[in-house]
PDB file of all heavy atoms in Angstrom:
ATOM      1  N   GLN A   1      -4.090   6.095 -12.292  1.00  0.00           N
ATOM      2  CA  GLN A   1      -3.380   7.406 -12.443  1.00  0.00           C
ATOM      3  C   GLN A   1      -3.714   8.300 -11.205  1.00  0.00           C
ATOM      4  O   GLN A   1      -4.635   8.136 -10.517  1.00  0.00           O
ATOM      5  CB  GLN A   1      -4.025   8.135 -13.680  1.00  0.00           C
ATOM      6  CG  GLN A   1      -3.650   7.397 -14.961  1.00  0.00           C
ATOM      7  CD  GLN A   1      -4.163   8.222 -16.112  1.00  0.00           C
ATOM      8  OE1 GLN A   1      -4.685   9.226 -16.099  1.00  0.00           O
ATOM      9  NE2 GLN A   1      -4.032   7.602 -17.268  1.00  0.00           N
ATOM     10  N   LEU A   2      -2.721   9.236 -10.964  1.00  0.00           N
ATOM     11  CA  LEU A   2      -2.818  10.216  -9.846  1.00  0.00           C
ATOM     12  C   LEU A   2      -2.723  11.535 -10.533  1.00  0.00           C
ATOM     13  O   LEU A   2      -1.860  11.830 -11.396  1.00  0.00           O
ATOM     14  CB  LEU A   2      -1.761   9.980  -8.868  1.00  0.00           C
ATOM     15  CG  LEU A   2      -1.651  11.031  -7.723  1.00  0.00           C
ATOM     16  CD1 LEU A   2      -2.820  10.787  -6.799  1.00  0.00           C
ATOM     17  CD2 LEU A   2      -0.360  10.912  -6.985  1.00  0.00           C
ATOM     18  N   PHE A   3      -3.636  12.452 -10.107  1.00  0.00           N
ATOM     19  CA  PHE A   3      -3.593  13.825 -10.644  1.00  0.00           C
ATOM     20  C   PHE A   3      -3.392  14.763  -9.473  1.00  0.00           C
ATOM     21  O   PHE A   3      -4.060  14.717  -8.431  1.00  0.00           O
ATOM     22  CB  PHE A   3      -4.975  14.184 -11.293  1.00  0.00           C
ATOM     23  CG  PHE A   3      -5.409  13.171 -12.367  1.00  0.00           C
ATOM     24  CD1 PHE A   3      -6.076  12.072 -12.067  1.00  0.00           C
ATOM     25  CD2 PHE A   3      -4.885  13.306 -13.761  1.00  0.00           C
ATOM     26  CE1 PHE A   3      -6.480  11.145 -13.062  1.00  0.00           C
ATOM     27  CE2 PHE A   3      -5.235  12.340 -14.656  1.00  0.00           C
ATOM     28  CZ  PHE A   3      -5.979  11.279 -14.384  1.00  0.00           C
ATOM     29  N   VAL A   4      -2.565  15.749  -9.668  1.00  0.00           N
ATOM     30  CA  VAL A   4      -2.243  16.697  -8.642  1.00  0.00           C
ATOM     31  C   VAL A   4      -2.233  18.161  -9.280  1.00  0.00           C
ATOM     32  O   VAL A   4      -1.622  18.313 -10.402  1.00  0.00           O
ATOM     33  CB  VAL A   4      -0.845  16.454  -7.980  1.00  0.00           C
ATOM     34  CG1 VAL A   4      -0.562  17.527  -6.924  1.00  0.00           C
ATOM     35  CG2 VAL A   4      -0.734  15.183  -7.476  1.00  0.00           C
ATOM     36  N   SER A   5      -2.983  19.054  -8.674  1.00  0.00           N
ATOM     37  CA  SER A   5      -2.908  20.328  -9.250  1.00  0.00           C
ATOM     38  C   SER A   5      -2.924  21.416  -8.079  1.00  0.00           C
ATOM     39  O   SER A   5      -3.361  21.183  -6.978  1.00  0.00           O
ATOM     40  CB  SER A   5      -4.234  20.641 -10.046  1.00  0.00           C
ATOM     41  OG  SER A   5      -5.400  20.629  -9.221  1.00  0.00           O
ATOM     42  N   PHE A   6      -2.219  22.527  -8.294  1.00  0.00           N
ATOM     43  CA  PHE A   6      -2.146  23.614  -7.402  1.00  0.00           C
ATOM     44  C   PHE A   6      -2.774  24.866  -8.147  1.00  0.00           C
ATOM     45  O   PHE A   6      -2.313  25.112  -9.248  1.00  0.00           O
ATOM     46  CB  PHE A   6      -0.628  23.881  -7.056  1.00  0.00           C
ATOM     47  CG  PHE A   6       0.015  22.661  -6.366  1.00  0.00           C
ATOM     48  CD1 PHE A   6       0.663  21.688  -7.120  1.00  0.00           C
ATOM     49  CD2 PHE A   6       0.069  22.672  -4.967  1.00  0.00           C
ATOM     50  CE1 PHE A   6       1.198  20.643  -6.521  1.00  0.00           C
ATOM     51  CE2 PHE A   6       0.661  21.624  -4.359  1.00  0.00           C
ATOM     52  CZ  PHE A   6       1.301  20.658  -5.143  1.00  0.00           C
ATOM     53  N   LYS A   7      -3.620  25.554  -7.522  1.00  0.00           N
ATOM     54  CA  LYS A   7      -4.125  26.808  -8.048  1.00  0.00           C
ATOM     55  C   LYS A   7      -4.091  27.868  -6.942  1.00  0.00           C
ATOM     56  O   LYS A   7      -4.470  27.726  -5.888  1.00  0.00           O
ATOM     57  CB  LYS A   7      -5.558  26.612  -8.484  1.00  0.00           C
ATOM     58  CG  LYS A   7      -5.751  25.620  -9.678  1.00  0.00           C
ATOM     59  CD  LYS A   7      -7.148  25.492 -10.089  1.00  0.00           C
ATOM     60  CE  LYS A   7      -7.226  24.461 -11.249  1.00  0.00           C
ATOM     61  NZ  LYS A   7      -8.624  24.190 -11.720  1.00  0.00           N
ATOM     62  N   LEU A   8      -3.604  29.011  -7.501  1.00  0.00           N
ATOM     63  CA  LEU A   8      -3.504  30.155  -6.536  1.00  0.00           C
ATOM     64  C   LEU A   8      -4.250  31.329  -7.224  1.00  0.00           C
ATOM     65  O   LEU A   8      -4.014  31.724  -8.309  1.00  0.00           O
ATOM     66  CB  LEU A   8      -1.972  30.728  -6.339  1.00  0.00           C
ATOM     67  CG  LEU A   8      -1.745  31.804  -5.495  1.00  0.00           C
ATOM     68  CD1 LEU A   8      -2.223  31.461  -4.064  1.00  0.00           C
ATOM     69  CD2 LEU A   8      -0.300  32.180  -5.575  1.00  0.00           C
ATOM     70  N   LYS A   9      -5.268  31.790  -6.573  1.00  0.00           N
ATOM     71  CA  LYS A   9      -6.221  32.812  -6.921  1.00  0.00           C
ATOM     72  C   LYS A   9      -6.177  33.853  -5.828  1.00  0.00           C
ATOM     73  O   LYS A   9      -6.785  33.709  -4.698  1.00  0.00           O
ATOM     74  CB  LYS A   9      -7.540  32.383  -7.209  1.00  0.00           C
ATOM     75  CG  LYS A   9      -8.427  33.408  -7.768  1.00  0.00           C
ATOM     76  CD  LYS A   9      -9.718  32.908  -8.387  1.00  0.00           C
ATOM     77  CE  LYS A   9     -10.547  34.000  -8.988  1.00  0.00           C
ATOM     78  NZ  LYS A   9     -11.880  33.440  -9.433  1.00  0.00           N
ATOM     79  N   GLY A  10      -5.460  34.975  -6.053  1.00  0.00           N
ATOM     80  CA  GLY A  10      -5.404  35.938  -4.973  1.00  0.00           C
ATOM     81  C   GLY A  10      -4.533  35.354  -3.874  1.00  0.00           C
ATOM     82  O   GLY A  10      -3.482  34.925  -3.996  1.00  0.00           O
ATOM     83  N   ASP A  11      -5.077  35.340  -2.693  1.00  0.00           N
ATOM     84  CA  ASP A  11      -4.435  34.788  -1.572  1.00  0.00           C
ATOM     85  C   ASP A  11      -4.993  33.414  -1.228  1.00  0.00           C
ATOM     86  O   ASP A  11      -4.743  32.931  -0.178  1.00  0.00           O
ATOM     87  CB  ASP A  11      -4.518  35.768  -0.299  1.00  0.00           C
ATOM     88  CG  ASP A  11      -5.956  35.991   0.146  1.00  0.00           C
ATOM     89  OD1 ASP A  11      -6.815  35.527  -0.465  1.00  0.00           O
ATOM     90  OD2 ASP A  11      -6.092  36.697   1.137  1.00  0.00           O
ATOM     91  N   LEU A  12      -5.726  32.777  -2.067  1.00  0.00           N
ATOM     92  CA  LEU A  12      -6.362  31.478  -1.800  1.00  0.00           C
ATOM     93  C   LEU A  12      -5.574  30.368  -2.628  1.00  0.00           C
ATOM     94  O   LEU A  12      -5.489  30.442  -3.899  1.00  0.00           O
ATOM     95  CB  LEU A  12      -7.824  31.499  -2.182  1.00  0.00           C
ATOM     96  CG  LEU A  12      -8.711  30.350  -1.505  1.00  0.00           C
ATOM     97  CD1 LEU A  12      -8.680  30.514  -0.079  1.00  0.00           C
ATOM     98  CD2 LEU A  12     -10.137  30.585  -2.010  1.00  0.00           C
ATOM     99  N   LEU A  13      -5.074  29.368  -1.954  1.00  0.00           N
ATOM    100  CA  LEU A  13      -4.395  28.302  -2.517  1.00  0.00           C
ATOM    101  C   LEU A  13      -5.278  27.023  -2.423  1.00  0.00           C
ATOM    102  O   LEU A  13      -5.796  26.686  -1.370  1.00  0.00           O
ATOM    103  CB  LEU A  13      -3.038  27.961  -1.755  1.00  0.00           C
ATOM    104  CG  LEU A  13      -2.260  26.768  -2.307  1.00  0.00           C
ATOM    105  CD1 LEU A  13      -1.782  26.900  -3.759  1.00  0.00           C
ATOM    106  CD2 LEU A  13      -1.071  26.489  -1.357  1.00  0.00           C
ATOM    107  N   LYS A  14      -5.406  26.399  -3.576  1.00  0.00           N
ATOM    108  CA  LYS A  14      -6.209  25.193  -3.760  1.00  0.00           C
ATOM    109  C   LYS A  14      -5.246  24.063  -4.175  1.00  0.00           C
ATOM    110  O   LYS A  14      -4.718  24.146  -5.245  1.00  0.00           O
ATOM    111  CB  LYS A  14      -7.347  25.262  -4.586  1.00  0.00           C
ATOM    112  CG  LYS A  14      -8.453  26.164  -4.076  1.00  0.00           C
ATOM    113  CD  LYS A  14      -9.647  26.255  -4.913  1.00  0.00           C
ATOM    114  CE  LYS A  14     -10.805  27.090  -4.414  1.00  0.00           C
ATOM    115  NZ  LYS A  14     -11.994  26.887  -5.342  1.00  0.00           N
ATOM    116  N   ILE A  15      -5.222  22.995  -3.323  1.00  0.00           N
ATOM    117  CA  ILE A  15      -4.364  21.853  -3.789  1.00  0.00           C
ATOM    118  C   ILE A  15      -5.349  20.715  -3.865  1.00  0.00           C
ATOM    119  O   ILE A  15      -6.062  20.335  -2.964  1.00  0.00           O
ATOM    120  CB  ILE A  15      -3.330  21.504  -2.652  1.00  0.00           C
ATOM    121  CG1 ILE A  15      -2.461  22.741  -2.456  1.00  0.00           C
ATOM    122  CG2 ILE A  15      -2.561  20.200  -3.121  1.00  0.00           C
ATOM    123  CD1 ILE A  15      -1.445  22.513  -1.173  1.00  0.00           C
ATOM    124  N   ASN A  16      -5.310  20.100  -5.134  1.00  0.00           N
ATOM    125  CA  ASN A  16      -6.320  18.996  -5.385  1.00  0.00           C
ATOM    126  C   ASN A  16      -5.414  17.767  -5.764  1.00  0.00           C
ATOM    127  O   ASN A  16      -4.592  17.884  -6.509  1.00  0.00           O
ATOM    128  CB  ASN A  16      -7.131  19.358  -6.563  1.00  0.00           C
ATOM    129  CG  ASN A  16      -8.192  18.309  -6.838  1.00  0.00           C
ATOM    130  OD1 ASN A  16      -8.922  17.991  -6.024  1.00  0.00           O
ATOM    131  ND2 ASN A  16      -8.184  17.888  -8.128  1.00  0.00           N
ATOM    132  N   ILE A  17      -5.720  16.634  -5.049  1.00  0.00           N
ATOM    133  CA  ILE A  17      -5.081  15.356  -5.324  1.00  0.00           C
ATOM    134  C   ILE A  17      -6.190  14.339  -5.562  1.00  0.00           C
ATOM    135  O   ILE A  17      -7.116  14.226  -4.716  1.00  0.00           O
ATOM    136  CB  ILE A  17      -4.190  14.938  -4.179  1.00  0.00           C
ATOM    137  CG1 ILE A  17      -3.147  16.026  -3.869  1.00  0.00           C
ATOM    138  CG2 ILE A  17      -3.550  13.549  -4.397  1.00  0.00           C
ATOM    139  CD1 ILE A  17      -2.429  15.753  -2.540  1.00  0.00           C
ATOM    140  N   GLU A  18      -6.216  13.734  -6.709  1.00  0.00           N
ATOM    141  CA  GLU A  18      -7.272  12.737  -6.942  1.00  0.00           C
ATOM    142  C   GLU A  18      -6.598  11.562  -7.742  1.00  0.00           C
ATOM    143  O   GLU A  18      -5.591  11.638  -8.500  1.00  0.00           O
ATOM    144  CB  GLU A  18      -8.449  13.326  -7.777  1.00  0.00           C
ATOM    145  CG  GLU A  18      -8.138  14.107  -9.030  1.00  0.00           C
ATOM    146  CD  GLU A  18      -9.387  14.636  -9.533  1.00  0.00           C
ATOM    147  OE1 GLU A  18     -10.401  13.952  -9.897  1.00  0.00           O
ATOM    148  OE2 GLU A  18      -9.487  15.888  -9.545  1.00  0.00           O
ATOM    149  N   ASP A  19      -7.285  10.356  -7.626  1.00  0.00           N
ATOM    150  CA  ASP A  19      -6.829   9.255  -8.356  1.00  0.00           C
ATOM    151  C   ASP A  19      -8.046   8.491  -8.913  1.00  0.00           C
ATOM    152  O   ASP A  19      -9.225   8.858  -8.598  1.00  0.00           O
ATOM    153  CB  ASP A  19      -6.006   8.333  -7.374  1.00  0.00           C
ATOM    154  CG  ASP A  19      -6.813   7.655  -6.350  1.00  0.00           C
ATOM    155  OD1 ASP A  19      -8.107   7.543  -6.439  1.00  0.00           O
ATOM    156  OD2 ASP A  19      -6.203   7.288  -5.365  1.00  0.00           O
ATOM    157  N   ASP A  20      -7.778   7.566  -9.766  1.00  0.00           N
ATOM    158  CA  ASP A  20      -8.854   6.727 -10.343  1.00  0.00           C
ATOM    159  C   ASP A  20      -8.794   5.286  -9.798  1.00  0.00           C
ATOM    160  O   ASP A  20      -9.125   4.380 -10.439  1.00  0.00           O
ATOM    161  CB  ASP A  20      -8.788   6.704 -11.860  1.00  0.00           C
ATOM    162  CG  ASP A  20      -7.505   6.138 -12.373  1.00  0.00           C
ATOM    163  OD1 ASP A  20      -6.619   5.904 -11.613  1.00  0.00           O
ATOM    164  OD2 ASP A  20      -7.390   5.982 -13.545  1.00  0.00           O
ATOM    165  N   GLY A  21      -8.400   5.217  -8.414  1.00  0.00           N
ATOM    166  CA  GLY A  21      -8.230   3.892  -7.758  1.00  0.00           C
ATOM    167  C   GLY A  21      -9.542   3.326  -7.416  1.00  0.00           C
ATOM    168  O   GLY A  21     -10.594   3.654  -7.831  1.00  0.00           O
ATOM    169  N   ILE A  22      -9.416   2.480  -6.254  1.00  0.00           N
ATOM    170  CA  ILE A  22     -10.484   1.725  -5.840  1.00  0.00           C
ATOM    171  C   ILE A  22     -11.496   2.509  -4.779  1.00  0.00           C
ATOM    172  O   ILE A  22     -12.568   2.111  -4.551  1.00  0.00           O
ATOM    173  CB  ILE A  22     -10.143   0.408  -5.140  1.00  0.00           C
ATOM    174  CG1 ILE A  22      -9.301   0.626  -3.863  1.00  0.00           C
ATOM    175  CG2 ILE A  22      -9.495  -0.575  -6.058  1.00  0.00           C
ATOM    176  CD1 ILE A  22      -8.976  -0.529  -3.064  1.00  0.00           C
ATOM    177  N   GLY A  23     -10.940   3.635  -4.311  1.00  0.00           N
ATOM    178  CA  GLY A  23     -11.655   4.404  -3.389  1.00  0.00           C
ATOM    179  C   GLY A  23     -11.989   3.768  -2.078  1.00  0.00           C
ATOM    180  O   GLY A  23     -11.524   2.629  -1.839  1.00  0.00           O
ATOM    181  N   PHE A  24     -12.766   4.425  -1.287  1.00  0.00           N
ATOM    182  CA  PHE A  24     -13.204   3.887   0.020  1.00  0.00           C
ATOM    183  C   PHE A  24     -14.503   4.527   0.472  1.00  0.00           C
ATOM    184  O   PHE A  24     -14.727   5.716   0.065  1.00  0.00           O
ATOM    185  CB  PHE A  24     -12.089   3.964   1.049  1.00  0.00           C
ATOM    186  CG  PHE A  24     -11.718   5.279   1.342  1.00  0.00           C
ATOM    187  CD1 PHE A  24     -12.258   5.961   2.415  1.00  0.00           C
ATOM    188  CD2 PHE A  24     -10.631   6.010   0.570  1.00  0.00           C
ATOM    189  CE1 PHE A  24     -11.764   7.352   2.665  1.00  0.00           C
ATOM    190  CE2 PHE A  24     -10.338   7.263   0.821  1.00  0.00           C
ATOM    191  CZ  PHE A  24     -10.874   7.892   1.990  1.00  0.00           C
ATOM    192  N   ASP A  25     -15.119   3.974   1.467  1.00  0.00           N
ATOM    193  CA  ASP A  25     -16.262   4.600   2.143  1.00  0.00           C
ATOM    194  C   ASP A  25     -15.833   5.179   3.419  1.00  0.00           C
ATOM    195  O   ASP A  25     -15.420   4.478   4.296  1.00  0.00           O
ATOM    196  CB  ASP A  25     -17.435   3.496   2.335  1.00  0.00           C
ATOM    197  CG  ASP A  25     -18.536   4.196   2.982  1.00  0.00           C
ATOM    198  OD1 ASP A  25     -18.524   5.239   3.601  1.00  0.00           O
ATOM    199  OD2 ASP A  25     -19.676   3.532   2.913  1.00  0.00           O
ATOM    200  N   GLU A  26     -15.694   6.480   3.465  1.00  0.00           N
ATOM    201  CA  GLU A  26     -15.075   7.211   4.708  1.00  0.00           C
ATOM    202  C   GLU A  26     -15.889   6.757   5.964  1.00  0.00           C
ATOM    203  O   GLU A  26     -15.220   6.699   7.006  1.00  0.00           O
ATOM    204  CB  GLU A  26     -15.061   8.684   4.542  1.00  0.00           C
ATOM    205  CG  GLU A  26     -14.226   9.401   5.606  1.00  0.00           C
ATOM    206  CD  GLU A  26     -14.092  10.832   5.414  1.00  0.00           C
ATOM    207  OE1 GLU A  26     -14.477  11.342   4.330  1.00  0.00           O
ATOM    208  OE2 GLU A  26     -13.592  11.492   6.348  1.00  0.00           O
ATOM    209  N   GLN A  27     -17.133   6.435   5.946  1.00  0.00           N
ATOM    210  CA  GLN A  27     -17.888   6.093   7.063  1.00  0.00           C
ATOM    211  C   GLN A  27     -17.469   4.669   7.599  1.00  0.00           C
ATOM    212  O   GLN A  27     -17.778   4.282   8.790  1.00  0.00           O
ATOM    213  CB  GLN A  27     -19.394   6.162   6.772  1.00  0.00           C
ATOM    214  CG  GLN A  27     -19.862   7.528   6.375  1.00  0.00           C
ATOM    215  CD  GLN A  27     -19.500   8.660   7.342  1.00  0.00           C
ATOM    216  OE1 GLN A  27     -19.681   8.467   8.604  1.00  0.00           O
ATOM    217  NE2 GLN A  27     -18.859   9.748   6.839  1.00  0.00           N
ATOM    218  N   LYS A  28     -17.005   3.864   6.686  1.00  0.00           N
ATOM    219  CA  LYS A  28     -16.738   2.468   7.009  1.00  0.00           C
ATOM    220  C   LYS A  28     -15.323   2.229   7.152  1.00  0.00           C
ATOM    221  O   LYS A  28     -14.932   1.083   7.582  1.00  0.00           O
ATOM    222  CB  LYS A  28     -17.320   1.459   5.906  1.00  0.00           C
ATOM    223  CG  LYS A  28     -18.794   1.550   5.927  1.00  0.00           C
ATOM    224  CD  LYS A  28     -19.384   0.578   4.821  1.00  0.00           C
ATOM    225  CE  LYS A  28     -20.932   0.743   4.771  1.00  0.00           C
ATOM    226  NZ  LYS A  28     -21.451  -0.252   3.771  1.00  0.00           N
ATOM    227  N   VAL A  29     -14.402   3.081   6.706  1.00  0.00           N
ATOM    228  CA  VAL A  29     -12.978   2.895   6.803  1.00  0.00           C
ATOM    229  C   VAL A  29     -12.425   2.680   8.260  1.00  0.00           C
ATOM    230  O   VAL A  29     -13.106   3.370   9.135  1.00  0.00           O
ATOM    231  CB  VAL A  29     -12.279   3.963   6.072  1.00  0.00           C
ATOM    232  CG1 VAL A  29     -12.208   5.299   6.768  1.00  0.00           C
ATOM    233  CG2 VAL A  29     -10.808   3.443   5.781  1.00  0.00           C
ATOM    234  N   LYS A  30     -11.567   1.895   8.494  1.00  0.00           N
ATOM    235  CA  LYS A  30     -11.032   1.703   9.902  1.00  0.00           C
ATOM    236  C   LYS A  30     -10.434   3.007  10.368  1.00  0.00           C
ATOM    237  O   LYS A  30      -9.677   3.746   9.660  1.00  0.00           O
ATOM    238  CB  LYS A  30      -9.842   0.640   9.853  1.00  0.00           C
ATOM    239  CG  LYS A  30      -9.358   0.394  11.204  1.00  0.00           C
ATOM    240  CD  LYS A  30      -8.108  -0.637  11.186  1.00  0.00           C
ATOM    241  CE  LYS A  30      -7.478  -0.736  12.379  1.00  0.00           C
ATOM    242  NZ  LYS A  30      -6.280  -1.593  12.374  1.00  0.00           N
ATOM    243  N   LYS A  31     -10.859   3.473  11.556  1.00  0.00           N
ATOM    244  CA  LYS A  31     -10.425   4.706  12.095  1.00  0.00           C
ATOM    245  C   LYS A  31      -9.033   4.538  12.629  1.00  0.00           C
ATOM    246  O   LYS A  31      -8.796   3.664  13.437  1.00  0.00           O
ATOM    247  CB  LYS A  31     -11.380   5.214  13.119  1.00  0.00           C
ATOM    248  CG  LYS A  31     -12.642   5.655  12.627  1.00  0.00           C
ATOM    249  CD  LYS A  31     -12.589   6.904  11.779  1.00  0.00           C
ATOM    250  CE  LYS A  31     -13.891   7.294  11.236  1.00  0.00           C
ATOM    251  NZ  LYS A  31     -13.893   8.425  10.370  1.00  0.00           N
ATOM    252  N   GLY A  32      -8.161   5.418  12.237  1.00  0.00           N
ATOM    253  CA  GLY A  32      -6.831   5.424  12.746  1.00  0.00           C
ATOM    254  C   GLY A  32      -6.419   6.854  12.771  1.00  0.00           C
ATOM    255  O   GLY A  32      -7.217   7.857  12.836  1.00  0.00           O
ATOM    256  N   ASN A  33      -5.181   7.154  12.638  1.00  0.00           N
ATOM    257  CA  ASN A  33      -4.720   8.567  12.689  1.00  0.00           C
ATOM    258  C   ASN A  33      -4.618   9.228  11.400  1.00  0.00           C
ATOM    259  O   ASN A  33      -4.550  10.484  11.263  1.00  0.00           O
ATOM    260  CB  ASN A  33      -3.270   8.579  13.355  1.00  0.00           C
ATOM    261  CG  ASN A  33      -3.324   8.261  14.817  1.00  0.00           C
ATOM    262  OD1 ASN A  33      -4.236   8.618  15.455  1.00  0.00           O
ATOM    263  ND2 ASN A  33      -2.210   7.597  15.236  1.00  0.00           N
ATOM    264  N   GLY A  34      -4.673   8.575  10.340  1.00  0.00           N
ATOM    265  CA  GLY A  34      -4.492   9.031   8.934  1.00  0.00           C
ATOM    266  C   GLY A  34      -5.487  10.198   8.717  1.00  0.00           C
ATOM    267  O   GLY A  34      -5.090  11.378   8.389  1.00  0.00           O
ATOM    268  N   LEU A  35      -6.824   9.854   8.391  1.00  0.00           N
ATOM    269  CA  LEU A  35      -7.834  10.890   8.031  1.00  0.00           C
ATOM    270  C   LEU A  35      -7.947  11.912   9.064  1.00  0.00           C
ATOM    271  O   LEU A  35      -8.073  13.069   8.799  1.00  0.00           O
ATOM    272  CB  LEU A  35      -9.074  10.169   7.707  1.00  0.00           C
ATOM    273  CG  LEU A  35      -9.064   9.293   6.589  1.00  0.00           C
ATOM    274  CD1 LEU A  35     -10.442   8.607   6.403  1.00  0.00           C
ATOM    275  CD2 LEU A  35      -8.774  10.042   5.233  1.00  0.00           C
ATOM    276  N   ASP A  36      -8.077  11.475  10.407  1.00  0.00           N
ATOM    277  CA  ASP A  36      -8.264  12.434  11.566  1.00  0.00           C
ATOM    278  C   ASP A  36      -7.107  13.403  11.464  1.00  0.00           C
ATOM    279  O   ASP A  36      -7.293  14.675  11.696  1.00  0.00           O
ATOM    280  CB  ASP A  36      -8.343  11.671  12.759  1.00  0.00           C
ATOM    281  CG  ASP A  36      -9.705  10.984  12.977  1.00  0.00           C
ATOM    282  OD1 ASP A  36     -10.590  11.276  12.118  1.00  0.00           O
ATOM    283  OD2 ASP A  36      -9.692  10.052  13.765  1.00  0.00           O
TER     284      ASP A  36
END
């Protein structure tokens, strides 16, 4: 499943995207252009 939420409080917008997938270790993931 993928969950997406948008919350606006005053002038602050929070966009949250999360899943229940396999995840990853950001320190060990192959560095490319995506995360950077």
